[in-house]
C-alpha atoms as a PDB file:
ATOM      1  CA  MET A   1      -0.212   0.357  -0.136  1.00  0.00           C
ATOM      2  CA  LYS A   2       1.394   3.518  -0.992  1.00  0.00           C
ATOM      3  CA  ILE A   3       1.728   6.124   1.698  1.00  0.00           C
ATOM      4  CA  SER A   4       0.480   9.420   0.291  1.00  0.00           C
ATOM      5  CA  ARG A   5       2.693  12.357   0.384  1.00  0.00           C
ATOM      6  CA  MET A   6       1.042  14.470   2.846  1.00  0.00           C
ATOM      7  CA  VAL A   7       0.887  11.490   5.476  1.00  0.00           C
ATOM      8  CA  LYS A   8       4.742  11.071   4.537  1.00  0.00           C
ATOM      9  CA  PHE A   9       4.742  14.657   5.057  1.00  0.00           C
ATOM     10  CA  SER A  10       3.171  14.628   8.667  1.00  0.00           C
ATOM     11  CA  TYR A  11       5.696  11.826   9.828  1.00  0.00           C
ATOM     12  CA  LEU A  12       8.389  14.172   8.717  1.00  0.00           C
ATOM     13  CA  VAL A  13       6.889  17.154  11.208  1.00  0.00           C
ATOM     14  CA  GLY A  14       6.091  14.825  13.878  1.00  0.00           C
ATOM     15  CA  PHE A  15       9.951  13.572  14.123  1.00  0.00           C
ATOM     16  CA  LEU A  16      11.263  17.228  13.791  1.00  0.00           C
ATOM     17  CA  VAL A  17       9.607  18.311  16.759  1.00  0.00           C
ATOM     18  CA  VAL A  18      10.300  15.250  18.649  1.00  0.00           C
ATOM     19  CA  LEU A  19      13.735  15.738  17.809  1.00  0.00           C
ATOM     20  CA  ALA A  20      13.388  19.607  18.667  1.00  0.00           C
ATOM     21  CA  LEU A  21      12.485  18.756  22.117  1.00  0.00           C
ATOM     22  CA  VAL A  22      15.306  16.484  22.797  1.00  0.00           C
ATOM     23  CA  MET A  23      17.639  18.690  21.438  1.00  0.00           C
ATOM     24  CA  CYS A  24      15.967  21.298  24.656  1.00  0.00           C
ATOM     25  CA  VAL A  25      16.350  19.101  26.770  1.00  0.00           C
ATOM     26  CA  ASP A  26      20.097  18.006  26.220  1.00  0.00           C
ATOM     27  CA  SER A  27      20.775  22.134  25.928  1.00  0.00           C
ATOM     28  CA  SER A  28      19.247  22.777  29.478  1.00  0.00           C
ATOM     29  CA  LEU A  29      20.927  19.762  30.846  1.00  0.00           C
ATOM     30  CA  SER A  30      24.035  21.215  29.717  1.00  0.00           C
ATOM     31  CA  GLU A  31      23.918  24.314  30.668  1.00  0.00           C
ATOM     32  CA  LYS A  32      22.596  23.659  34.467  1.00  0.00           C
ATOM     33  CA  ARG A  33      25.502  21.151  34.668  1.00  0.00           C
ATOM     34  CA  LYS A  34      27.906  23.657  34.201  1.00  0.00           C
ATOM     35  CA  ALA A  35      27.008  24.878  37.729  1.00  0.00           C
ATOM     36  CA  LEU A  36      28.362  21.654  38.878  1.00  0.00           C
ATOM     37  CA  GLN A  37      31.897  22.767  38.471  1.00  0.00           C
ATOM     38  CA  GLY A  38      31.184  24.889  42.142  1.00  0.00           C
ATOM     39  CA  GLY A  39      30.319  21.967  43.862  1.00  0.00           C
ATOM     40  CA  PRO A  40      26.618  21.197  45.657  1.00  0.00           C
ATOM     41  CA  ARG A  41      26.353  24.532  47.118  1.00  0.00           C
ATOM     42  CA  MET A  42      26.612  25.931  44.076  1.00  0.00           C
ATOM     43  CA  VAL A  43      23.956  23.610  42.344  1.00  0.00           C
ATOM     44  CA  LEU A  44      21.711  24.731  45.910  1.00  0.00           C
ATOM     45  CA  GLY A  45      22.460  28.309  45.069  1.00  0.00           C
ATOM     46  CA  ASP A  46      19.345  30.030  47.120  1.00  0.00           C
ATOM     47  CA  SER A  47      16.592  27.197  46.636  1.00  0.00           C
ATOM     48  CA  LYS A  48      15.120  26.012  49.633  1.00  0.00           C
ATOM     49  CA  ASP A  49      13.673  23.025  47.716  1.00  0.00           C
ATOM     50  CA  ARG A  50      13.765  19.902  49.421  1.00  0.00           C
ATOM     51  CA  GLY A  51      16.107  18.437  47.039  1.00  0.00           C
ATOM     52  CA  LYS A  52      13.259  15.598  45.196  1.00  0.00           C
ATOM     53  CA  VAL A  53      14.930  13.798  41.761  1.00  0.00           C
ATOM     54  CA  PHE A  54      11.545  13.345  40.398  1.00  0.00           C
ATOM     55  CA  GLU A  55       8.319  15.004  39.942  1.00  0.00           C
ATOM     56  CA  TYR A  56       6.210  11.815  39.082  1.00  0.00           C
ATOM     57  CA  TYR A  57       7.750   8.472  39.213  1.00  0.00           C
ATOM     58  CA  GLU A  58       6.631   5.414  37.498  1.00  0.00           C
ATOM     59  CA  PRO A  59       8.903   2.220  38.130  1.00  0.00           C
ATOM     60  CA  LYS A  60       8.074   0.585  35.213  1.00  0.00           C
ATOM     61  CA  GLY A  61       6.532   3.375  33.460  1.00  0.00           C
ATOM     62  CA  GLN A  62       7.877   7.275  31.992  1.00  0.00           C
ATOM     63  CA  SER A  63       8.782   9.512  34.678  1.00  0.00           C
ATOM     64  CA  LYS A  64       9.326  12.874  34.923  1.00  0.00           C
ATOM     65  CA  ARG A  65      12.239  14.571  36.707  1.00  0.00           C
ATOM     66  CA  ALA A  66      11.870  17.453  39.055  1.00  0.00           C
ATOM     67  CA  SER A  67      13.123  20.648  37.273  1.00  0.00           C
ATOM     68  CA  ASN A  68      14.153  22.014  40.761  1.00  0.00           C
ATOM     69  CA  TRP A  69      18.189  22.099  41.361  1.00  0.00           C
ATOM     70  CA  THR A  70      18.466  18.495  41.259  1.00  0.00           C
ATOM     71  CA  SER A  71      18.174  18.369  37.892  1.00  0.00           C
ATOM     72  CA  ALA A  72      21.756  19.255  37.053  1.00  0.00           C
ATOM     73  CA  LEU A  73      22.743  16.162  38.701  1.00  0.00           C
ATOM     74  CA  ASP A  74      23.091  13.079  36.792  1.00  0.00           C
ATOM     75  CA  LEU A  75      21.478  10.467  38.827  1.00  0.00           C
ATOM     76  CA  THR A  76      20.212   8.143  35.826  1.00  0.00           C
ATOM     77  CA  GLY A  77      22.402   5.735  37.346  1.00  0.00           C
ATOM     78  CA  VAL A  78      20.349   4.927  40.511  1.00  0.00           C
ATOM     79  CA  SER A  79      17.637   2.578  40.329  1.00  0.00           C
ATOM     80  CA  TRP A  80      15.069   3.489  43.470  1.00  0.00           C
ATOM     81  CA  ASN A  81      12.255   1.296  42.116  1.00  0.00           C
ATOM     82  CA  ASP A  82      12.939  -1.101  45.420  1.00  0.00           C
ATOM     83  CA  THR A  83      14.462  -0.045  48.953  1.00  0.00           C
ATOM     84  CA  ARG A  84      17.023  -2.108  47.909  1.00  0.00           C
ATOM     85  CA  THR A  85      18.786   0.321  46.301  1.00  0.00           C
ATOM     86  CA  CYS A  86      21.349  -0.398  43.504  1.00  0.00           C
ATOM     87  CA  THR A  87      23.919   1.923  41.929  1.00  0.00           C
ATOM     88  CA  LEU A  88      25.693   1.089  38.658  1.00  0.00           C
ATOM     89  CA  ILE A  89      29.240   1.507  38.104  1.00  0.00           C
ATOM     90  CA  SER A  90      29.527  -0.159  34.519  1.00  0.00           C
ATOM     91  CA  ARG A  91      27.440  -0.690  31.871  1.00  0.00           C
ATOM     92  CA  GLN A  92      26.274  -4.167  33.626  1.00  0.00           C
ATOM     93  CA  HIS A  93      27.153  -3.708  37.337  1.00  0.00           C
ATOM     94  CA  VAL A  94      25.558  -2.532  40.633  1.00  0.00           C
ATOM     95  CA  VAL A  95      26.310  -2.171  44.156  1.00  0.00           C
ATOM     96  CA  MET A  96      24.448  -2.186  46.991  1.00  0.00           C
ATOM     97  CA  ALA A  97      24.248  -2.688  50.968  1.00  0.00           C
ATOM     98  CA  ALA A  98      25.525  -6.611  51.333  1.00  0.00           C
ATOM     99  CA  HIS A  99      23.247  -6.839  54.428  1.00  0.00           C
ATOM    100  CA  TYR A 100      20.606  -5.564  51.972  1.00  0.00           C
ATOM    101  CA  ILE A 101      20.764  -7.096  48.608  1.00  0.00           C
ATOM    102  CA  ARG A 102      18.188  -6.787  45.738  1.00  0.00           C
ATOM    103  CA  PRO A 103      16.703 -10.720  44.874  1.00  0.00           C
ATOM    104  CA  SER A 104      17.232 -11.557  41.445  1.00  0.00           C
ATOM    105  CA  ASP A 105      13.410 -11.614  40.361  1.00  0.00           C
ATOM    106  CA  VAL A 106      13.187  -8.128  41.548  1.00  0.00           C
ATOM    107  CA  PRO A 107      13.852  -6.030  38.249  1.00  0.00           C
ATOM    108  CA  VAL A 108      16.106  -3.083  38.909  1.00  0.00           C
ATOM    109  CA  MET A 109      14.515  -0.397  36.981  1.00  0.00           C
ATOM    110  CA  PHE A 110      16.560   2.810  35.917  1.00  0.00           C
ATOM    111  CA  HIS A 111      15.278   5.872  34.130  1.00  0.00           C
ATOM    112  CA  ASP A 112      17.174   8.266  31.433  1.00  0.00           C
ATOM    113  CA  ASP A 113      17.522  12.145  31.319  1.00  0.00           C
ATOM    114  CA  VAL A 114      13.929  12.342  29.542  1.00  0.00           C
ATOM    115  CA  GLY A 115      12.050   9.608  32.047  1.00  0.00           C
ATOM    116  CA  THR A 116      12.203   6.317  29.714  1.00  0.00           C
ATOM    117  CA  PRO A 117      12.555   3.114  31.830  1.00  0.00           C
ATOM    118  CA  HIS A 118      14.614   0.824  31.060  1.00  0.00           C
ATOM    119  CA  GLU A 119      14.486  -2.938  32.962  1.00  0.00           C
ATOM    120  CA  ARG A 120      16.747  -5.252  34.190  1.00  0.00           C
ATOM    121  CA  TYR A 121      18.063  -8.104  36.324  1.00  0.00           C
ATOM    122  CA  ILE A 122      20.546  -9.123  38.506  1.00  0.00           C
ATOM    123  CA  ILE A 123      21.964 -12.659  37.390  1.00  0.00           C
ATOM    124  CA  THR A 124      24.739 -13.323  40.459  1.00  0.00           C
ATOM    125  CA  VAL A 125      26.515 -11.751  43.463  1.00  0.00           C
ATOM    126  CA  LYS A 126      29.485 -11.138  45.181  1.00  0.00           C
ATOM    127  CA  SER A 127      29.149  -9.725  48.600  1.00  0.00           C
ATOM    128  CA  LEU A 128      32.391  -8.414  50.427  1.00  0.00           C
ATOM    129  CA  ALA A 129      30.886  -8.853  53.803  1.00  0.00           C
ATOM    130  CA  PRO A 130      32.126  -9.178  56.449  1.00  0.00           C
ATOM    131  CA  GLN A 131      35.426  -6.689  55.540  1.00  0.00           C
ATOM    132  CA  HIS A 132      32.636  -4.060  54.110  1.00  0.00           C
ATOM    133  CA  ASP A 133      28.969  -3.792  53.774  1.00  0.00           C
ATOM    134  CA  VAL A 134      28.813  -4.014  49.836  1.00  0.00           C
ATOM    135  CA  ALA A 135      27.736  -6.368  47.321  1.00  0.00           C
ATOM    136  CA  ILE A 136      28.574  -6.157  43.494  1.00  0.00           C
ATOM    137  CA  GLY A 137      25.966  -7.350  41.106  1.00  0.00           C
ATOM    138  CA  LYS A 138      25.895  -8.077  37.566  1.00  0.00           C
ATOM    139  CA  LEU A 139      22.688  -7.485  35.402  1.00  0.00           C
ATOM    140  CA  ASN A 140      21.699  -9.708  32.724  1.00  0.00           C
ATOM    141  CA  LEU A 141      22.061  -6.817  30.209  1.00  0.00           C
ATOM    142  CA  PRO A 142      24.144  -4.027  29.520  1.00  0.00           C
ATOM    143  CA  LEU A 143      22.398  -0.482  30.046  1.00  0.00           C
ATOM    144  CA  PRO A 144      22.517   2.117  27.237  1.00  0.00           C
ATOM    145  CA  THR A 145      24.813   5.462  27.326  1.00  0.00           C
ATOM    146  CA  GLY A 146      21.732   7.482  28.544  1.00  0.00           C
ATOM    147  CA  VAL A 147      21.971   5.738  31.606  1.00  0.00           C
ATOM    148  CA  LYS A 148      25.015   6.819  33.744  1.00  0.00           C
ATOM    149  CA  HIS A 149      27.183   4.457  35.453  1.00  0.00           C
ATOM    150  CA  TYR A 150      29.493   6.193  38.457  1.00  0.00           C
ATOM    151  CA  ASP A 151      33.112   6.223  38.433  1.00  0.00           C
ATOM    152  CA  LEU A 152      34.281   5.675  42.451  1.00  0.00           C
ATOM    153  CA  ALA A 153      35.595   8.799  44.095  1.00  0.00           C
ATOM    154  CA  SER A 154      39.650   9.112  44.736  1.00  0.00           C
ATOM    155  CA  PRO A 155      40.861   9.831  48.547  1.00  0.00           C
ATOM    156  CA  ALA A 156      41.727  13.487  46.903  1.00  0.00           C
ATOM    157  CA  ASP A 157      37.784  13.669  46.238  1.00  0.00           C
ATOM    158  CA  ALA A 158      36.848  12.492  50.192  1.00  0.00           C
ATOM    159  CA  ARG A 159      38.762  15.063  52.055  1.00  0.00           C
ATOM    160  CA  ILE A 160      36.856  15.553  55.525  1.00  0.00           C
ATOM    161  CA  GLY A 161      34.510  18.629  55.221  1.00  0.00           C
ATOM    162  CA  ASN A 162      34.061  18.459  51.441  1.00  0.00           C
ATOM    163  CA  ASP A 163      29.919  18.447  50.808  1.00  0.00           C
ATOM    164  CA  ALA A 164      28.892  14.938  49.764  1.00  0.00           C
ATOM    165  CA  LEU A 165      25.175  14.576  47.991  1.00  0.00           C
ATOM    166  CA  VAL A 166      23.667  12.074  50.243  1.00  0.00           C
ATOM    167  CA  THR A 167      20.717  10.312  48.781  1.00  0.00           C
ATOM    168  CA  ASP A 168      17.724   8.212  50.678  1.00  0.00           C
ATOM    169  CA  GLN A 169      14.569   5.784  49.931  1.00  0.00           C
ATOM    170  CA  THR A 170      12.064   8.899  49.478  1.00  0.00           C
ATOM    171  CA  LYS A 171      14.123  10.021  46.097  1.00  0.00           C
ATOM    172  CA  HIS A 172      15.640  13.171  47.606  1.00  0.00           C
ATOM    173  CA  ILE A 173      19.144  14.252  47.556  1.00  0.00           C
ATOM    174  CA  ASN A 174      20.482  15.777  50.874  1.00  0.00           C
ATOM    175  CA  ILE A 175      24.029  17.705  51.593  1.00  0.00           C
ATOM    176  CA  HIS A 176      25.782  16.571  54.110  1.00  0.00           C
ATOM    177  CA  GLN A 177      29.499  16.921  55.531  1.00  0.00           C
ATOM    178  CA  ILE A 178      32.058  14.119  55.462  1.00  0.00           C
ATOM    179  CA  ARG A 179      33.453  14.235  59.163  1.00  0.00           C
ATOM    180  CA  MET A 180      35.304  10.957  59.246  1.00  0.00           C
ATOM    181  CA  ARG A 181      37.336   8.345  57.152  1.00  0.00           C
ATOM    182  CA  ASP A 182      39.370   5.295  58.604  1.00  0.00           C
ATOM    183  CA  ALA A 183      42.004   2.974  57.817  1.00  0.00           C
ATOM    184  CA  SER A 184      39.257   0.356  57.455  1.00  0.00           C
ATOM    185  CA  GLY A 185      37.412   1.715  54.809  1.00  0.00           C
ATOM    186  CA  ARG A 186      34.268   3.267  56.557  1.00  0.00           C
ATOM    187  CA  ILE A 187      33.451   7.170  55.556  1.00  0.00           C
ATOM    188  CA  GLY A 188      31.174   9.193  57.973  1.00  0.00           C
ATOM    189  CA  PHE A 189      28.641  12.271  57.487  1.00  0.00           C
ATOM    190  CA  ALA A 190      28.017  15.087  59.649  1.00  0.00           C
ATOM    191  CA  TYR A 191      25.095  18.133  59.166  1.00  0.00           C
ATOM    192  CA  ASP A 192      26.152  21.206  58.670  1.00  0.00           C
ATOM    193  CA  LEU A 193      24.399  24.044  60.148  1.00  0.00           C
ATOM    194  CA  ALA A 194      24.843  26.445  57.694  1.00  0.00           C
ATOM    195  CA  LEU A 195      22.624  24.490  55.249  1.00  0.00           C
ATOM    196  CA  PRO A 196      19.075  24.844  55.044  1.00  0.00           C
ATOM    197  CA  VAL A 197      17.231  22.374  57.273  1.00  0.00           C
ATOM    198  CA  GLN A 198      15.224  21.181  54.024  1.00  0.00           C
ATOM    199  CA  VAL A 199      18.512  19.565  52.423  1.00  0.00           C
ATOM    200  CA  LYS A 200      19.341  17.705  55.684  1.00  0.00           C
ATOM    201  CA  ARG A 201      17.885  14.371  56.499  1.00  0.00           C
ATOM    202  CA  ASN A 202      17.916  11.557  59.447  1.00  0.00           C
ATOM    203  CA  LEU A 203      18.502   8.411  57.254  1.00  0.00           C
ATOM    204  CA  VAL A 204      16.299   5.624  58.860  1.00  0.00           C
ATOM    205  CA  VAL A 205      15.808   1.934  57.940  1.00  0.00           C
ATOM    206  CA  GLY A 206      14.956   1.555  54.423  1.00  0.00           C
ATOM    207  CA  ASP A 207      17.978   4.126  53.356  1.00  0.00           C
ATOM    208  CA  SER A 208      20.274   1.735  53.328  1.00  0.00           C
ATOM    209  CA  GLY A 209      22.325   0.948  50.223  1.00  0.00           C
ATOM    210  CA  ASN A 210      21.343   4.286  49.265  1.00  0.00           C
ATOM    211  CA  PRO A 211      24.893   6.131  47.521  1.00  0.00           C
ATOM    212  CA  SER A 212      26.267   9.089  48.100  1.00  0.00           C
ATOM    213  CA  PHE A 213      28.278  11.272  45.783  1.00  0.00           C
ATOM    214  CA  ILE A 214      31.257  13.710  45.616  1.00  0.00           C
ATOM    215  CA  LEU A 215      31.284  16.530  42.796  1.00  0.00           C
ATOM    216  CA  SER A 216      34.595  16.107  41.197  1.00  0.00           C
ATOM    217  CA  GLY A 217      35.041  18.275  38.442  1.00  0.00           C
ATOM    218  CA  GLY A 218      31.580  18.528  37.524  1.00  0.00           C
ATOM    219  CA  ASP A 219      31.120  15.040  37.429  1.00  0.00           C
ATOM    220  CA  LEU A 220      29.471  12.760  40.287  1.00  0.00           C
ATOM    221  CA  LYS A 221      31.794  10.008  42.059  1.00  0.00           C
ATOM    222  CA  LEU A 222      30.397   7.409  44.151  1.00  0.00           C
ATOM    223  CA  LEU A 223      31.498   7.844  47.528  1.00  0.00           C
ATOM    224  CA  GLU A 224      29.730   6.200  49.640  1.00  0.00           C
ATOM    225  CA  THR A 225      26.503   3.366  50.426  1.00  0.00           C
ATOM    226  CA  HIS A 226      24.724   3.783  53.519  1.00  0.00           C
ATOM    227  CA  THR A 227      25.080   1.161  56.415  1.00  0.00           C
ATOM    228  CA  PHE A 228      24.137   3.691  59.322  1.00  0.00           C
ATOM    229  CA  GLY A 229      21.356   6.053  59.833  1.00  0.00           C
ATOM    230  CA  GLY A 230      21.554   9.499  61.464  1.00  0.00           C
ATOM    231  CA  PRO A 231      23.545  11.890  58.970  1.00  0.00           C
ATOM    232  CA  GLY A 232      25.061   8.416  57.227  1.00  0.00           C
ATOM    233  CA  SER A 233      28.006   6.126  56.943  1.00  0.00           C
ATOM    234  CA  GLY A 234      29.303   3.185  55.634  1.00  0.00           C
ATOM    235  CA  PRO A 235      31.829   2.058  53.233  1.00  0.00           C
ATOM    236  CA  ASP A 236      34.265   4.274  51.920  1.00  0.00           C
ATOM    237  CA  TYR A 237      34.545   4.089  47.862  1.00  0.00           C
ATOM    238  CA  SER A 238      37.868   5.635  47.810  1.00  0.00           C
ATOM    239  CA  ASN A 239      39.711   3.546  50.050  1.00  0.00           C
ATOM    240  CA  SER A 240      41.473   1.757  47.712  1.00  0.00           C
ATOM    241  CA  LEU A 241      41.464  -1.968  49.246  1.00  0.00           C
ATOM    242  CA  LEU A 242      37.856  -1.773  49.171  1.00  0.00           C
ATOM    243  CA  GLN A 243      38.344  -0.503  45.201  1.00  0.00           C
ATOM    244  CA  SER A 244      40.570  -3.052  44.631  1.00  0.00           C
ATOM    245  CA  ALA A 245      38.124  -5.839  45.852  1.00  0.00           C
ATOM    246  CA  ILE A 246      35.365  -4.607  43.849  1.00  0.00           C
ATOM    247  CA  ARG A 247      37.288  -4.835  40.895  1.00  0.00           C
ATOM    248  CA  GLU A 248      38.620  -8.303  41.314  1.00  0.00           C
ATOM    249  CA  ALA A 249      34.638  -8.876  42.252  1.00  0.00           C
ATOM    250  CA  MET A 250      33.416  -7.792  39.027  1.00  0.00           C
ATOM    251  CA  ASN A 251      36.165  -9.314  37.257  1.00  0.00           C
ATOM    252  CA  GLY A 252      35.020 -13.005  38.876  1.00  0.00           C
ATOM    253  CA  LEU A 253      31.193 -12.031  38.014  1.00  0.00           C
END
């Protein structure tokens, strides 16, 4: 069956409209992400917004990211459809809290910048407990480039007093400060009284495994995943021994 010129023209117009919208989103995000060079406080600015990541969230459906200060942050590599949160560290590997591992029959959902869902499943897991409260999972398929995987923070990134972007099970971003690091590979946070209360939160049961990030050169680096509550503390991903253990586990999966 032949397609009329008018129908072809309609298809072309529709395609160009979608392309223009995508380019507009990309341009807007690019401008916002320039602010990341200045660190979390520069991104926050004068905002008193509590830092919600999504305007609305559908685990297996189209979702919309909030247009607040958090939109500058590329959080596409965090899977929030289950409280047993997973964070992408390669196209096919995630990290979780070893004491709070997502089962293989529960999907691992990621949403790209335009809110499109990507479904994966964990096919095998390696736990680093009891030395570290970290488990590495391998996914059934790699993720596309539109879903970010995070490099691990360096010791230079993780200096005492630096700001960390601390996530939680409610899909919000908090800004806490690094208060301690020890040789065993643990890092802990504290609240900064100078910051608005809206970006500080006591972590509670169910927040385990949610990631914390450091901004390094405008890029998010994985710093910690929660083991304990309050301001938060857990394994220090800038620790060289932990990094070696993670690489070894990934190679063995």
